Amino acid sequence: MTLQTIADNSAVFTDESFDDVDIISLANKGISRINNECGTLFPYYKGMNDSYNAFPDDWQLDLVSNYISYGIKMNDSSLTEANMYLDDFYKVLSSFKDKLGTLVENYEKGNESNGI
């Protein structure tokens, strides 16, 4: 999945768009939160159109899109909407943490599209 795909998803939900530098910064802050909460070492996004395969696309879309949307809404002072995205980020993150062992097992068994 590319960060551009994730950013496009966030733009649909937030009705906002940001420049690439800001999107990359928000996405990497989200990755940092994921790493800190899960004890993982996922790499940061480098560019908008680089393929990122550190964890499955569905999880990237759910987690990183929510975090980008949170940051966008915080930036325009829409605190109620921002908190909605942050709450959803943490709900999805909790589920991600619960399934982390299975994702690692899938990867070790050769199922890279459903594993990390």
PDB file of N, CA and C in Angstrom:
ATOM      1  N   MET A   1       0.855  -1.168   0.000  1.00  0.00           N
ATOM      2  CA  MET A   1       0.000   0.000   0.000  1.00  0.00           C
ATOM      3  C   MET A   1       0.902   1.232   0.000  1.00  0.00           C
ATOM      4  N   THR A   2       0.401   2.296  -0.593  1.00  0.00           N
ATOM      5  CA  THR A   2       1.153   3.549  -0.589  1.00  0.00           C
ATOM      6  C   THR A   2       0.513   4.536   0.383  1.00  0.00           C
ATOM      7  N   LEU A   3       1.319   5.444   0.846  1.00  0.00           N
ATOM      8  CA  LEU A   3       0.811   6.490   1.730  1.00  0.00           C
ATOM      9  C   LEU A   3      -0.169   7.388   0.976  1.00  0.00           C
ATOM     10  N   GLN A   4       0.015   7.532  -0.325  1.00  0.00           N
ATOM     11  CA  GLN A   4      -0.923   8.329  -1.119  1.00  0.00           C
ATOM     12  C   GLN A   4      -2.327   7.739  -1.042  1.00  0.00           C
ATOM     13  N   THR A   5      -2.439   6.422  -1.113  1.00  0.00           N
ATOM     14  CA  THR A   5      -3.738   5.754  -1.004  1.00  0.00           C
ATOM     15  C   THR A   5      -4.370   6.034   0.354  1.00  0.00           C
ATOM     16  N   ILE A   6      -3.576   5.953   1.397  1.00  0.00           N
ATOM     17  CA  ILE A   6      -4.071   6.210   2.749  1.00  0.00           C
ATOM     18  C   ILE A   6      -4.488   7.670   2.892  1.00  0.00           C
ATOM     19  N   ALA A   7      -3.667   8.584   2.372  1.00  0.00           N
ATOM     20  CA  ALA A   7      -3.981  10.020   2.445  1.00  0.00           C
ATOM     21  C   ALA A   7      -5.257  10.338   1.676  1.00  0.00           C
ATOM     22  N   ASP A   8      -5.443   9.708   0.524  1.00  0.00           N
ATOM     23  CA  ASP A   8      -6.668   9.917  -0.257  1.00  0.00           C
ATOM     24  C   ASP A   8      -7.882   9.472   0.545  1.00  0.00           C
ATOM     25  N   ASN A   9      -7.748   8.357   1.260  1.00  0.00           N
ATOM     26  CA  ASN A   9      -8.833   7.877   2.111  1.00  0.00           C
ATOM     27  C   ASN A   9      -9.152   8.889   3.204  1.00  0.00           C
ATOM     28  N   SER A  10      -8.134   9.420   3.838  1.00  0.00           N
ATOM     29  CA  SER A  10      -8.344  10.420   4.890  1.00  0.00           C
ATOM     30  C   SER A  10      -9.005  11.674   4.337  1.00  0.00           C
ATOM     31  N   ALA A  11      -8.613  12.084   3.139  1.00  0.00           N
ATOM     32  CA  ALA A  11      -9.193  13.292   2.533  1.00  0.00           C
ATOM     33  C   ALA A  11     -10.690  13.129   2.294  1.00  0.00           C
ATOM     34  N   VAL A  12     -11.118  11.919   1.943  1.00  0.00           N
ATOM     35  CA  VAL A  12     -12.545  11.663   1.738  1.00  0.00           C
ATOM     36  C   VAL A  12     -13.305  11.870   3.044  1.00  0.00           C
ATOM     37  N   PHE A  13     -12.774  11.348   4.134  1.00  0.00           N
ATOM     38  CA  PHE A  13     -13.468  11.426   5.418  1.00  0.00           C
ATOM     39  C   PHE A  13     -13.383  12.805   6.063  1.00  0.00           C
ATOM     40  N   THR A  14     -12.260  13.484   5.898  1.00  0.00           N
ATOM     41  CA  THR A  14     -12.083  14.773   6.576  1.00  0.00           C
ATOM     42  C   THR A  14     -12.515  15.955   5.717  1.00  0.00           C
ATOM     43  N   ASP A  15     -12.683  15.727   4.429  1.00  0.00           N
ATOM     44  CA  ASP A  15     -12.996  16.795   3.475  1.00  0.00           C
ATOM     45  C   ASP A  15     -11.901  17.861   3.505  1.00  0.00           C
ATOM     46  N   GLU A  16     -10.681  17.419   3.709  1.00  0.00           N
ATOM     47  CA  GLU A  16      -9.509  18.298   3.776  1.00  0.00           C
ATOM     48  C   GLU A  16      -8.370  17.626   3.010  1.00  0.00           C
ATOM     49  N   SER A  17      -7.425  18.421   2.588  1.00  0.00           N
ATOM     50  CA  SER A  17      -6.209  17.859   2.018  1.00  0.00           C
ATOM     51  C   SER A  17      -5.017  18.660   2.530  1.00  0.00           C
ATOM     52  N   PHE A  18      -3.897  17.985   2.641  1.00  0.00           N
ATOM     53  CA  PHE A  18      -2.678  18.591   3.163  1.00  0.00           C
ATOM     54  C   PHE A  18      -1.546  18.307   2.199  1.00  0.00           C
ATOM     55  N   ASP A  19      -0.458  19.047   2.344  1.00  0.00           N
ATOM     56  CA  ASP A  19       0.676  18.779   1.458  1.00  0.00           C
ATOM     57  C   ASP A  19       1.382  17.505   1.907  1.00  0.00           C
ATOM     58  N   ASP A  20       2.173  16.975   0.997  1.00  0.00           N
ATOM     59  CA  ASP A  20       2.819  15.681   1.225  1.00  0.00           C
ATOM     60  C   ASP A  20       3.699  15.665   2.463  1.00  0.00           C
ATOM     61  N   VAL A  21       4.430  16.728   2.718  1.00  0.00           N
ATOM     62  CA  VAL A  21       5.331  16.779   3.876  1.00  0.00           C
ATOM     63  C   VAL A  21       4.537  16.616   5.165  1.00  0.00           C
ATOM     64  N   ASP A  22       3.391  17.298   5.268  1.00  0.00           N
ATOM     65  CA  ASP A  22       2.561  17.185   6.467  1.00  0.00           C
ATOM     66  C   ASP A  22       1.962  15.789   6.606  1.00  0.00           C
ATOM     67  N   ILE A  23       1.510  15.209   5.492  1.00  0.00           N
ATOM     68  CA  ILE A  23       0.934  13.855   5.527  1.00  0.00           C
ATOM     69  C   ILE A  23       1.990  12.847   5.990  1.00  0.00           C
ATOM     70  N   ILE A  24       3.188  12.942   5.440  1.00  0.00           N
ATOM     71  CA  ILE A  24       4.260  12.015   5.842  1.00  0.00           C
ATOM     72  C   ILE A  24       4.567  12.173   7.324  1.00  0.00           C
ATOM     73  N   SER A  25       4.617  13.408   7.792  1.00  0.00           N
ATOM     74  CA  SER A  25       4.886  13.656   9.205  1.00  0.00           C
ATOM     75  C   SER A  25       3.794  13.059  10.100  1.00  0.00           C
ATOM     76  N   LEU A  26       2.530  13.271   9.744  1.00  0.00           N
ATOM     77  CA  LEU A  26       1.426  12.708  10.534  1.00  0.00           C
ATOM     78  C   LEU A  26       1.439  11.181  10.499  1.00  0.00           C
ATOM     79  N   ALA A  27       1.666  10.614   9.324  1.00  0.00           N
ATOM     80  CA  ALA A  27       1.703   9.156   9.201  1.00  0.00           C
ATOM     81  C   ALA A  27       2.816   8.566  10.051  1.00  0.00           C
ATOM     82  N   ASN A  28       3.979   9.197  10.033  1.00  0.00           N
ATOM     83  CA  ASN A  28       5.106   8.681  10.815  1.00  0.00           C
ATOM     84  C   ASN A  28       4.886   8.851  12.311  1.00  0.00           C
ATOM     85  N   LYS A  29       4.174   9.878  12.708  1.00  0.00           N
ATOM     86  CA  LYS A  29       3.794  10.002  14.120  1.00  0.00           C
ATOM     87  C   LYS A  29       2.867   8.846  14.500  1.00  0.00           C
ATOM     88  N   GLY A  30       1.960   8.495  13.596  1.00  0.00           N
ATOM     89  CA  GLY A  30       1.088   7.338  13.829  1.00  0.00           C
ATOM     90  C   GLY A  30       1.890   6.046  13.947  1.00  0.00           C
ATOM     91  N   ILE A  31       2.872   5.874  13.067  1.00  0.00           N
ATOM     92  CA  ILE A  31       3.739   4.681  13.137  1.00  0.00           C
ATOM     93  C   ILE A  31       4.486   4.668  14.468  1.00  0.00           C
ATOM     94  N   SER A  32       4.949   5.818  14.907  1.00  0.00           N
ATOM     95  CA  SER A  32       5.634   5.911  16.193  1.00  0.00           C
ATOM     96  C   SER A  32       4.724   5.478  17.333  1.00  0.00           C
ATOM     97  N   ARG A  33       3.473   5.921  17.306  1.00  0.00           N
ATOM     98  CA  ARG A  33       2.516   5.502  18.344  1.00  0.00           C
ATOM     99  C   ARG A  33       2.294   3.996  18.303  1.00  0.00           C
ATOM    100  N   ILE A  34       2.152   3.452  17.092  1.00  0.00           N
ATOM    101  CA  ILE A  34       1.969   2.003  16.952  1.00  0.00           C
ATOM    102  C   ILE A  34       3.181   1.281  17.536  1.00  0.00           C
ATOM    103  N   ASN A  35       4.374   1.711  17.165  1.00  0.00           N
ATOM    104  CA  ASN A  35       5.602   1.079  17.663  1.00  0.00           C
ATOM    105  C   ASN A  35       5.693   1.148  19.188  1.00  0.00           C
ATOM    106  N   ASN A  36       5.387   2.290  19.741  1.00  0.00           N
ATOM    107  CA  ASN A  36       5.477   2.448  21.198  1.00  0.00           C
ATOM    108  C   ASN A  36       4.437   1.611  21.924  1.00  0.00           C
ATOM    109  N   GLU A  37       3.248   1.541  21.406  1.00  0.00           N
ATOM    110  CA  GLU A  37       2.172   0.786  22.062  1.00  0.00           C
ATOM    111  C   GLU A  37       2.347  -0.726  21.907  1.00  0.00           C
ATOM    112  N   CYS A  38       2.898  -1.139  20.765  1.00  0.00           N
ATOM    113  CA  CYS A  38       2.968  -2.578  20.463  1.00  0.00           C
ATOM    114  C   CYS A  38       4.351  -3.184  20.662  1.00  0.00           C
ATOM    115  N   GLY A  39       5.347  -2.354  20.943  1.00  0.00           N
ATOM    116  CA  GLY A  39       6.703  -2.870  21.070  1.00  0.00           C
ATOM    117  C   GLY A  39       7.254  -3.350  19.745  1.00  0.00           C
ATOM    118  N   THR A  40       6.836  -2.722  18.656  1.00  0.00           N
ATOM    119  CA  THR A  40       7.290  -3.091  17.317  1.00  0.00           C
ATOM    120  C   THR A  40       8.318  -2.077  16.825  1.00  0.00           C
ATOM    121  N   LEU A  41       8.895  -2.379  15.682  1.00  0.00           N
ATOM    122  CA  LEU A  41       9.889  -1.493  15.072  1.00  0.00           C
ATOM    123  C   LEU A  41       9.553  -1.238  13.604  1.00  0.00           C
ATOM    124  N   PHE A  42       8.299  -0.932  13.320  1.00  0.00           N
ATOM    125  CA  PHE A  42       7.916  -0.671  11.940  1.00  0.00           C
ATOM    126  C   PHE A  42       8.656   0.558  11.434  1.00  0.00           C
ATOM    127  N   PRO A  43       9.156   0.487  10.201  1.00  0.00           N
ATOM    128  CA  PRO A  43       9.860   1.649   9.642  1.00  0.00           C
ATOM    129  C   PRO A  43       8.879   2.772   9.304  1.00  0.00           C
ATOM    130  N   TYR A  44       9.423   3.960   9.174  1.00  0.00           N
ATOM    131  CA  TYR A  44       8.614   5.117   8.794  1.00  0.00           C
ATOM    132  C   TYR A  44       8.364   5.113   7.288  1.00  0.00           C
ATOM    133  N   TYR A  45       7.315   5.800   6.901  1.00  0.00           N
ATOM    134  CA  TYR A  45       7.048   6.034   5.486  1.00  0.00           C
ATOM    135  C   TYR A  45       8.106   6.998   4.964  1.00  0.00           C
ATOM    136  N   LYS A  46       8.584   6.747   3.767  1.00  0.00           N
ATOM    137  CA  LYS A  46       9.612   7.596   3.173  1.00  0.00           C
ATOM    138  C   LYS A  46       9.026   8.568   2.153  1.00  0.00           C
ATOM    139  N   GLY A  47       8.027   8.141   1.425  1.00  0.00           N
ATOM    140  CA  GLY A  47       7.425   8.980   0.396  1.00  0.00           C
ATOM    141  C   GLY A  47       5.973   8.608   0.188  1.00  0.00           C
ATOM    142  N   MET A  48       5.280   9.421  -0.536  1.00  0.00           N
ATOM    143  CA  MET A  48       3.848   9.228  -0.741  1.00  0.00           C
ATOM    144  C   MET A  48       3.531   8.029  -1.635  1.00  0.00           C
ATOM    145  N   ASN A  49       4.399   7.730  -2.584  1.00  0.00           N
ATOM    146  CA  ASN A  49       4.096   6.680  -3.556  1.00  0.00           C
ATOM    147  C   ASN A  49       4.983   5.448  -3.439  1.00  0.00           C
ATOM    148  N   ASP A  50       5.749   5.375  -2.356  1.00  0.00           N
ATOM    149  CA  ASP A  50       6.564   4.184  -2.110  1.00  0.00           C
ATOM    150  C   ASP A  50       5.679   3.078  -1.548  1.00  0.00           C
ATOM    151  N   SER A  51       5.885   1.866  -2.014  1.00  0.00           N
ATOM    152  CA  SER A  51       5.144   0.733  -1.482  1.00  0.00           C
ATOM    153  C   SER A  51       5.620   0.445  -0.060  1.00  0.00           C
ATOM    154  N   TYR A  52       4.679   0.305   0.850  1.00  0.00           N
ATOM    155  CA  TYR A  52       4.992   0.055   2.264  1.00  0.00           C
ATOM    156  C   TYR A  52       4.370  -1.277   2.643  1.00  0.00           C
ATOM    157  N   ASN A  53       5.207  -2.235   3.002  1.00  0.00           N
ATOM    158  CA  ASN A  53       4.729  -3.590   3.268  1.00  0.00           C
ATOM    159  C   ASN A  53       5.061  -4.089   4.665  1.00  0.00           C
ATOM    160  N   ALA A  54       5.302  -3.188   5.596  1.00  0.00           N
ATOM    161  CA  ALA A  54       5.709  -3.606   6.944  1.00  0.00           C
ATOM    162  C   ALA A  54       4.600  -4.342   7.683  1.00  0.00           C
ATOM    163  N   PHE A  55       3.348  -3.995   7.384  1.00  0.00           N
ATOM    164  CA  PHE A  55       2.206  -4.731   7.923  1.00  0.00           C
ATOM    165  C   PHE A  55       1.054  -4.643   6.929  1.00  0.00           C
ATOM    166  N   PRO A  56       0.051  -5.528   7.056  1.00  0.00           N
ATOM    167  CA  PRO A  56      -0.973  -5.650   6.025  1.00  0.00           C
ATOM    168  C   PRO A  56      -1.726  -4.349   5.713  1.00  0.00           C
ATOM    169  N   ASP A  57      -2.133  -4.249   4.456  1.00  0.00           N
ATOM    170  CA  ASP A  57      -2.825  -3.060   3.954  1.00  0.00           C
ATOM    171  C   ASP A  57      -4.053  -2.683   4.773  1.00  0.00           C
ATOM    172  N   ASP A  58      -4.867  -3.658   5.127  1.00  0.00           N
ATOM    173  CA  ASP A  58      -6.087  -3.360   5.891  1.00  0.00           C
ATOM    174  C   ASP A  58      -5.764  -2.658   7.202  1.00  0.00           C
ATOM    175  N   TRP A  59      -4.725  -3.131   7.866  1.00  0.00           N
ATOM    176  CA  TRP A  59      -4.330  -2.512   9.131  1.00  0.00           C
ATOM    177  C   TRP A  59      -3.763  -1.121   8.912  1.00  0.00           C
ATOM    178  N   GLN A  60      -2.964  -0.964   7.851  1.00  0.00           N
ATOM    179  CA  GLN A  60      -2.446   0.368   7.542  1.00  0.00           C
ATOM    180  C   GLN A  60      -3.587   1.348   7.307  1.00  0.00           C
ATOM    181  N   LEU A  61      -4.547   0.927   6.516  1.00  0.00           N
ATOM    182  CA  LEU A  61      -5.661   1.811   6.187  1.00  0.00           C
ATOM    183  C   LEU A  61      -6.451   2.177   7.434  1.00  0.00           C
ATOM    184  N   ASP A  62      -6.732   1.201   8.279  1.00  0.00           N
ATOM    185  CA  ASP A  62      -7.488   1.472   9.507  1.00  0.00           C
ATOM    186  C   ASP A  62      -6.712   2.332  10.497  1.00  0.00           C
ATOM    187  N   LEU A  63      -5.464   2.002  10.706  1.00  0.00           N
ATOM    188  CA  LEU A  63      -4.678   2.707  11.718  1.00  0.00           C
ATOM    189  C   LEU A  63      -4.154   4.059  11.233  1.00  0.00           C
ATOM    190  N   VAL A  64      -3.412   4.046  10.163  1.00  0.00           N
ATOM    191  CA  VAL A  64      -2.719   5.257   9.724  1.00  0.00           C
ATOM    192  C   VAL A  64      -3.699   6.302   9.185  1.00  0.00           C
ATOM    193  N   SER A  65      -4.738   5.865   8.476  1.00  0.00           N
ATOM    194  CA  SER A  65      -5.736   6.818   7.992  1.00  0.00           C
ATOM    195  C   SER A  65      -6.416   7.529   9.150  1.00  0.00           C
ATOM    196  N   ASN A  66      -6.751   6.783  10.195  1.00  0.00           N
ATOM    197  CA  ASN A  66      -7.352   7.409  11.374  1.00  0.00           C
ATOM    198  C   ASN A  66      -6.401   8.408  12.020  1.00  0.00           C
ATOM    199  N   TYR A  67      -5.127   8.064  12.075  1.00  0.00           N
ATOM    200  CA  TYR A  67      -4.185   8.979  12.715  1.00  0.00           C
ATOM    201  C   TYR A  67      -3.976  10.237  11.869  1.00  0.00           C
ATOM    202  N   ILE A  68      -3.880  10.074  10.571  1.00  0.00           N
ATOM    203  CA  ILE A  68      -3.762  11.243   9.690  1.00  0.00           C
ATOM    204  C   ILE A  68      -5.007  12.121   9.820  1.00  0.00           C
ATOM    205  N   SER A  69      -6.178  11.499   9.807  1.00  0.00           N
ATOM    206  CA  SER A  69      -7.429  12.254   9.934  1.00  0.00           C
ATOM    207  C   SER A  69      -7.477  13.009  11.259  1.00  0.00           C
ATOM    208  N   TYR A  70      -7.015  12.365  12.315  1.00  0.00           N
ATOM    209  CA  TYR A  70      -6.922  13.026  13.622  1.00  0.00           C
ATOM    210  C   TYR A  70      -6.050  14.278  13.523  1.00  0.00           C
ATOM    211  N   GLY A  71      -4.866  14.138  12.949  1.00  0.00           N
ATOM    212  CA  GLY A  71      -3.954  15.258  12.840  1.00  0.00           C
ATOM    213  C   GLY A  71      -4.508  16.395  11.994  1.00  0.00           C
ATOM    214  N   ILE A  72      -5.164  16.043  10.919  1.00  0.00           N
ATOM    215  CA  ILE A  72      -5.762  17.064  10.047  1.00  0.00           C
ATOM    216  C   ILE A  72      -6.830  17.846  10.804  1.00  0.00           C
ATOM    217  N   LYS A  73      -7.693  17.136  11.507  1.00  0.00           N
ATOM    218  CA  LYS A  73      -8.775  17.808  12.233  1.00  0.00           C
ATOM    219  C   LYS A  73      -8.247  18.591  13.437  1.00  0.00           C
ATOM    220  N   MET A  74      -7.181  18.131  14.059  1.00  0.00           N
ATOM    221  CA  MET A  74      -6.558  18.906  15.135  1.00  0.00           C
ATOM    222  C   MET A  74      -6.017  20.217  14.578  1.00  0.00           C
ATOM    223  N   ASN A  75      -5.442  20.140  13.386  1.00  0.00           N
ATOM    224  CA  ASN A  75      -4.851  21.320  12.774  1.00  0.00           C
ATOM    225  C   ASN A  75      -5.893  22.387  12.453  1.00  0.00           C
ATOM    226  N   ASP A  76      -7.114  21.983  12.113  1.00  0.00           N
ATOM    227  CA  ASP A  76      -8.135  23.002  11.826  1.00  0.00           C
ATOM    228  C   ASP A  76      -9.054  23.244  13.023  1.00  0.00           C
ATOM    229  N   SER A  77      -8.617  22.789  14.190  1.00  0.00           N
ATOM    230  CA  SER A  77      -9.317  23.026  15.471  1.00  0.00           C
ATOM    231  C   SER A  77     -10.710  22.407  15.543  1.00  0.00           C
ATOM    232  N   SER A  78     -10.923  21.347  14.802  1.00  0.00           N
ATOM    233  CA  SER A  78     -12.185  20.604  14.888  1.00  0.00           C
ATOM    234  C   SER A  78     -12.003  19.500  15.923  1.00  0.00           C
ATOM    235  N   LEU A  79     -11.988  19.892  17.193  1.00  0.00           N
ATOM    236  CA  LEU A  79     -11.609  18.976  18.266  1.00  0.00           C
ATOM    237  C   LEU A  79     -12.544  17.789  18.413  1.00  0.00           C
ATOM    238  N   THR A  80     -13.833  17.980  18.230  1.00  0.00           N
ATOM    239  CA  THR A  80     -14.780  16.867  18.348  1.00  0.00           C
ATOM    240  C   THR A  80     -14.491  15.809  17.286  1.00  0.00           C
ATOM    241  N   GLU A  81     -14.303  16.258  16.040  1.00  0.00           N
ATOM    242  CA  GLU A  81     -13.987  15.313  14.971  1.00  0.00           C
ATOM    243  C   GLU A  81     -12.612  14.681  15.201  1.00  0.00           C
ATOM    244  N   ALA A  82     -11.651  15.482  15.617  1.00  0.00           N
ATOM    245  CA  ALA A  82     -10.310  14.960  15.867  1.00  0.00           C
ATOM    246  C   ALA A  82     -10.358  13.845  16.912  1.00  0.00           C
ATOM    247  N   ASN A  83     -11.081  14.081  17.999  1.00  0.00           N
ATOM    248  CA  ASN A  83     -11.179  13.069  19.055  1.00  0.00           C
ATOM    249  C   ASN A  83     -11.881  11.808  18.578  1.00  0.00           C
ATOM    250  N   MET A  84     -12.825  11.949  17.655  1.00  0.00           N
ATOM    251  CA  MET A  84     -13.499  10.785  17.085  1.00  0.00           C
ATOM    252  C   MET A  84     -12.483   9.905  16.344  1.00  0.00           C
ATOM    253  N   TYR A  85     -11.620  10.532  15.535  1.00  0.00           N
ATOM    254  CA  TYR A  85     -10.601   9.770  14.806  1.00  0.00           C
ATOM    255  C   TYR A  85      -9.564   9.163  15.750  1.00  0.00           C
ATOM    256  N   LEU A  86      -9.184   9.904  16.789  1.00  0.00           N
ATOM    257  CA  LEU A  86      -8.214   9.374  17.737  1.00  0.00           C
ATOM    258  C   LEU A  86      -8.793   8.199  18.521  1.00  0.00           C
ATOM    259  N   ASP A  87     -10.047   8.298  18.923  1.00  0.00           N
ATOM    260  CA  ASP A  87     -10.703   7.181  19.605  1.00  0.00           C
ATOM    261  C   ASP A  87     -10.732   5.945  18.721  1.00  0.00           C
ATOM    262  N   ASP A  88     -11.072   6.134  17.442  1.00  0.00           N
ATOM    263  CA  ASP A  88     -11.120   5.007  16.523  1.00  0.00           C
ATOM    264  C   ASP A  88      -9.719   4.428  16.320  1.00  0.00           C
ATOM    265  N   PHE A  89      -8.710   5.292  16.235  1.00  0.00           N
ATOM    266  CA  PHE A  89      -7.326   4.824  16.120  1.00  0.00           C
ATOM    267  C   PHE A  89      -6.986   3.886  17.273  1.00  0.00           C
ATOM    268  N   TYR A  90      -7.310   4.298  18.498  1.00  0.00           N
ATOM    269  CA  TYR A  90      -6.962   3.475  19.657  1.00  0.00           C
ATOM    270  C   TYR A  90      -7.801   2.197  19.740  1.00  0.00           C
ATOM    271  N   LYS A  91      -9.038   2.222  19.268  1.00  0.00           N
ATOM    272  CA  LYS A  91      -9.841   0.987  19.221  1.00  0.00           C
ATOM    273  C   LYS A  91      -9.220  -0.009  18.244  1.00  0.00           C
ATOM    274  N   VAL A  92      -8.853   0.482  17.069  1.00  0.00           N
ATOM    275  CA  VAL A  92      -8.228  -0.389  16.074  1.00  0.00           C
ATOM    276  C   VAL A  92      -6.865  -0.856  16.572  1.00  0.00           C
ATOM    277  N   LEU A  93      -6.111   0.026  17.221  1.00  0.00           N
ATOM    278  CA  LEU A  93      -4.799  -0.338  17.751  1.00  0.00           C
ATOM    279  C   LEU A  93      -4.916  -1.451  18.794  1.00  0.00           C
ATOM    280  N   SER A  94      -5.934  -1.389  19.615  1.00  0.00           N
ATOM    281  CA  SER A  94      -6.161  -2.443  20.606  1.00  0.00           C
ATOM    282  C   SER A  94      -6.396  -3.787  19.918  1.00  0.00           C
ATOM    283  N   SER A  95      -7.195  -3.777  18.875  1.00  0.00           N
ATOM    284  CA  SER A  95      -7.447  -5.001  18.121  1.00  0.00           C
ATOM    285  C   SER A  95      -6.165  -5.486  17.433  1.00  0.00           C
ATOM    286  N   PHE A  96      -5.402  -4.555  16.895  1.00  0.00           N
ATOM    287  CA  PHE A  96      -4.132  -4.888  16.249  1.00  0.00           C
ATOM    288  C   PHE A  96      -3.185  -5.564  17.240  1.00  0.00           C
ATOM    289  N   LYS A  97      -3.080  -5.010  18.430  1.00  0.00           N
ATOM    290  CA  LYS A  97      -2.217  -5.598  19.461  1.00  0.00           C
ATOM    291  C   LYS A  97      -2.666  -7.010  19.805  1.00  0.00           C
ATOM    292  N   ASP A  98      -3.979  -7.220  19.884  1.00  0.00           N
ATOM    293  CA  ASP A  98      -4.513  -8.547  20.195  1.00  0.00           C
ATOM    294  C   ASP A  98      -4.171  -9.570  19.119  1.00  0.00           C
ATOM    295  N   LYS A  99      -4.063  -9.122  17.886  1.00  0.00           N
ATOM    296  CA  LYS A  99      -3.824 -10.029  16.758  1.00  0.00           C
ATOM    297  C   LYS A  99      -2.367 -10.064  16.314  1.00  0.00           C
ATOM    298  N   LEU A 100      -1.512  -9.340  16.992  1.00  0.00           N
ATOM    299  CA  LEU A 100      -0.113  -9.219  16.604  1.00  0.00           C
ATOM    300  C   LEU A 100       0.583 -10.582  16.510  1.00  0.00           C
ATOM    301  N   GLY A 101       0.351 -11.455  17.473  1.00  0.00           N
ATOM    302  CA  GLY A 101       0.967 -12.784  17.442  1.00  0.00           C
ATOM    303  C   GLY A 101       0.557 -13.570  16.211  1.00  0.00           C
ATOM    304  N   THR A 102      -0.713 -13.512  15.861  1.00  0.00           N
ATOM    305  CA  THR A 102      -1.217 -14.211  14.670  1.00  0.00           C
ATOM    306  C   THR A 102      -0.603 -13.629  13.406  1.00  0.00           C
ATOM    307  N   LEU A 103      -0.463 -12.317  13.352  1.00  0.00           N
ATOM    308  CA  LEU A 103       0.135 -11.675  12.180  1.00  0.00           C
ATOM    309  C   LEU A 103       1.584 -12.115  11.991  1.00  0.00           C
ATOM    310  N   VAL A 104       2.314 -12.229  13.080  1.00  0.00           N
ATOM    311  CA  VAL A 104       3.703 -12.695  12.997  1.00  0.00           C
ATOM    312  C   VAL A 104       3.739 -14.155  12.537  1.00  0.00           C
ATOM    313  N   GLU A 105       2.852 -14.983  13.085  1.00  0.00           N
ATOM    314  CA  GLU A 105       2.784 -16.394  12.674  1.00  0.00           C
ATOM    315  C   GLU A 105       2.471 -16.518  11.192  1.00  0.00           C
ATOM    316  N   ASN A 106       1.523 -15.728  10.702  1.00  0.00           N
ATOM    317  CA  ASN A 106       1.165 -15.770   9.276  1.00  0.00           C
ATOM    318  C   ASN A 106       2.379 -15.462   8.404  1.00  0.00           C
ATOM    319  N   TYR A 107       3.118 -14.464   8.789  1.00  0.00           N
ATOM    320  CA  TYR A 107       4.296 -14.072   8.022  1.00  0.00           C
ATOM    321  C   TYR A 107       5.327 -15.196   8.021  1.00  0.00           C
ATOM    322  N   GLU A 108       5.554 -15.784   9.188  1.00  0.00           N
ATOM    323  CA  GLU A 108       6.540 -16.863   9.296  1.00  0.00           C
ATOM    324  C   GLU A 108       6.134 -18.081   8.472  1.00  0.00           C
ATOM    325  N   LYS A 109       4.829 -18.256   8.265  1.00  0.00           N
ATOM    326  CA  LYS A 109       4.337 -19.370   7.454  1.00  0.00           C
ATOM    327  C   LYS A 109       4.306 -19.044   5.958  1.00  0.00           C
ATOM    328  N   GLY A 110       4.772 -17.846   5.601  1.00  0.00           N
ATOM    329  CA  GLY A 110       4.837 -17.461   4.196  1.00  0.00           C
ATOM    330  C   GLY A 110       3.650 -16.651   3.697  1.00  0.00           C
ATOM    331  N   ASN A 111       2.711 -16.356   4.572  1.00  0.00           N
ATOM    332  CA  ASN A 111       1.541 -15.576   4.198  1.00  0.00           C
ATOM    333  C   ASN A 111       1.831 -14.096   4.455  1.00  0.00           C
ATOM    334  N   GLU A 112       2.686 -13.525   3.602  1.00  0.00           N
ATOM    335  CA  GLU A 112       3.158 -12.157   3.824  1.00  0.00           C
ATOM    336  C   GLU A 112       2.081 -11.113   3.705  1.00  0.00           C
ATOM    337  N   SER A 113       1.061 -11.353   2.896  1.00  0.00           N
ATOM    338  CA  SER A 113      -0.001 -10.343   2.732  1.00  0.00           C
ATOM    339  C   SER A 113      -0.885 -10.251   3.958  1.00  0.00           C
ATOM    340  N   ASN A 114      -0.866 -11.260   4.817  1.00  0.00           N
ATOM    341  CA  ASN A 114      -1.663 -11.247   6.043  1.00  0.00           C
ATOM    342  C   ASN A 114      -0.798 -11.368   7.284  1.00  0.00           C
ATOM    343  N   GLY A 115       0.433 -10.944   7.173  1.00  0.00           N
ATOM    344  CA  GLY A 115       1.346 -11.066   8.310  1.00  0.00           C
ATOM    345  C   GLY A 115       2.346  -9.942   8.357  1.00  0.00           C
ATOM    346  N   ILE A 116       3.095  -9.936   9.440  1.00  0.00           N
ATOM    347  CA  ILE A 116       4.166  -8.942   9.611  1.00  0.00           C
ATOM    348  C   ILE A 116       5.428  -9.641  10.062  1.00  0.00           C
TER     349      ILE A 116
END
